[in-house]
Protein backbone atom coordinates (compact mmCIF):
# COMPACT_ATOMS: atom_id res chain seq x y z
CA UNK A 1 -9.06 6.69 -14.44
CA UNK A 2 -12.62 5.71 -13.57
CA UNK A 3 -14.29 6.92 -10.39
CA UNK A 4 -14.46 3.35 -9.02
CA UNK A 5 -10.70 2.87 -9.43
CA UNK A 6 -9.98 6.31 -7.99
CA UNK A 7 -12.11 5.61 -4.91
CA UNK A 8 -10.47 2.22 -4.36
CA UNK A 9 -7.03 3.80 -4.66
CA UNK A 10 -7.98 6.50 -2.15
CA UNK A 11 -8.99 3.69 0.22
CA UNK A 12 -5.29 2.74 0.46
CA UNK A 13 -4.45 6.24 1.63
CA UNK A 14 -7.35 6.29 4.09
CA UNK A 15 -6.08 3.05 5.66
CA UNK A 16 -2.51 4.38 5.76
CA UNK A 17 -3.47 7.75 7.27
CA UNK A 18 -5.78 6.12 9.82
CA UNK A 19 -3.08 3.75 10.97
CA UNK A 20 -0.49 6.54 11.07
CA UNK A 21 -2.81 8.57 13.31
CA UNK A 22 -3.20 5.51 15.55
CA UNK A 23 0.59 5.20 15.80
CA UNK A 24 1.07 8.89 16.56
CA UNK A 25 -1.59 8.81 19.28
CA UNK A 26 -0.10 5.69 20.91
CA UNK A 27 3.58 6.44 20.24
CA UNK A 28 4.36 7.42 23.84
CA UNK A 29 2.87 4.14 25.11
CA UNK A 30 5.46 2.12 23.19
CA UNK A 31 8.62 0.95 24.95
CA UNK A 32 11.84 2.71 23.89
CA UNK A 33 12.96 -0.43 22.04
CA UNK A 34 10.58 -2.52 19.96
CA UNK A 35 11.02 -5.84 18.15
CA UNK A 36 12.08 -5.18 14.57
CA UNK A 37 12.99 -8.68 13.45
CA UNK A 38 11.85 -12.16 14.36
CA UNK A 39 8.74 -14.28 14.61
CA UNK A 40 5.81 -14.41 16.99
CA UNK A 41 7.62 -16.84 19.29
CA UNK A 42 11.11 -15.32 19.18
CA UNK A 43 12.54 -11.86 18.61
CA UNK A 44 16.02 -11.70 17.12
CA UNK A 45 16.52 -7.91 17.02
CA UNK A 46 15.27 -4.78 18.72
CA UNK A 47 15.36 -1.21 17.50
CA UNK A 48 14.35 2.27 18.50
CA UNK A 49 10.61 2.81 18.54
CA UNK A 50 10.99 5.26 15.63
CA UNK A 51 11.41 2.16 13.44
CA UNK A 52 7.65 1.73 13.66
CA UNK A 53 7.33 4.35 10.93
CA UNK A 54 9.62 2.48 8.46
CA UNK A 55 6.93 0.18 7.00
CA UNK A 56 4.59 3.16 6.65
CA UNK A 57 7.19 5.19 4.74
CA UNK A 58 7.91 2.20 2.48
CA UNK A 59 4.16 1.82 1.96
CA UNK A 60 3.84 5.47 0.92
CA UNK A 61 6.69 5.06 -1.58
CA UNK A 62 5.03 1.94 -3.02
CA UNK A 63 1.68 3.71 -3.29
CA UNK A 64 3.32 6.50 -5.28
CA UNK A 65 4.98 3.96 -7.60
CA UNK A 66 1.66 2.14 -8.05
CA UNK A 67 -0.07 5.46 -8.80
CA UNK A 68 2.48 6.18 -11.52
CA UNK A 69 1.75 2.71 -12.89
CA UNK A 70 -1.99 3.42 -12.89
CA UNK A 71 -1.50 6.69 -14.76
CA UNK A 72 0.99 5.17 -17.23
CA UNK A 73 -1.13 2.10 -18.02
CA UNK A 74 -3.03 3.73 -20.93
CA UNK A 75 0.25 4.52 -22.69
CA UNK A 76 1.57 0.99 -22.27
CA UNK A 77 -1.43 -0.86 -23.70
CA UNK A 78 -0.92 -2.15 -27.22
CA UNK A 79 -4.02 -3.39 -29.01
CA UNK A 80 -4.31 -5.16 -32.34
CA UNK A 81 -5.79 -2.59 -34.71
CA UNK A 82 -8.02 -5.20 -36.34
CA UNK A 83 -10.04 -5.67 -33.14
CA UNK A 84 -12.75 -3.47 -31.74
CA UNK A 85 -10.00 -1.20 -30.45
CA UNK A 86 -11.78 1.55 -28.49
CA UNK A 87 -14.01 -0.61 -26.32
CA UNK A 88 -11.43 -3.36 -25.99
CA UNK A 89 -8.63 -0.90 -25.13
CA UNK A 90 -10.75 0.79 -22.46
CA UNK A 91 -11.61 -2.56 -20.83
CA UNK A 92 -7.96 -3.70 -20.81
CA UNK A 93 -6.81 -0.41 -19.28
CA UNK A 94 -9.51 -0.56 -16.60
CA UNK A 95 -8.62 -4.17 -15.72
CA UNK A 96 -4.92 -3.34 -15.36
CA UNK A 97 -5.71 -0.29 -13.23
CA UNK A 98 -8.03 -2.36 -11.04
CA UNK A 99 -5.30 -4.97 -10.48
CA UNK A 100 -2.84 -2.26 -9.46
CA UNK A 101 -5.36 -0.76 -7.05
CA UNK A 102 -5.96 -4.16 -5.44
CA UNK A 103 -2.18 -4.54 -5.05
CA UNK A 104 -2.07 -1.08 -3.43
CA UNK A 105 -4.74 -2.04 -0.89
CA UNK A 106 -3.02 -5.36 -0.09
CA UNK A 107 0.38 -3.66 0.31
CA UNK A 108 -1.15 -1.08 2.65
CA UNK A 109 -2.79 -3.71 4.83
CA UNK A 110 0.39 -5.80 5.00
CA UNK A 111 2.56 -2.79 5.91
CA UNK A 112 0.14 -1.81 8.66
CA UNK A 113 0.15 -5.36 10.02
CA UNK A 114 3.94 -5.50 9.97
CA UNK A 115 4.26 -2.34 12.06
CA UNK A 116 1.45 -3.36 14.41
CA UNK A 117 3.60 -6.08 15.98
CA UNK A 118 5.15 -3.49 18.29
CA UNK A 119 1.75 -2.80 19.83
CA UNK A 120 0.65 -6.36 20.32
CA UNK A 121 3.83 -8.27 21.25
């Protein structure tokens, strides 16, 4: 894994840890029951404020799965032997890893936004 991809992947964890710290610091300011289902204009279900950690736990699980995908990518790439295989293979692997890292960052941001509703509704 290249340093650029590694740093971008670590960015997902930095976002997740930062938001988790924010939640822990502000946890006592939350009401005992928070909206867990609905839209901006209407809430259809409430749950215990501990549910605020559910999207973060799901995010962590997804980041681990994506990391396994990033590590496994080199083994899954099949290249035609007649092509310039070394350079071509390296570029394909790096592109697939980069796509997975971008997905990891997007998933992290979305999970943080989903759990932030309790603070701003």
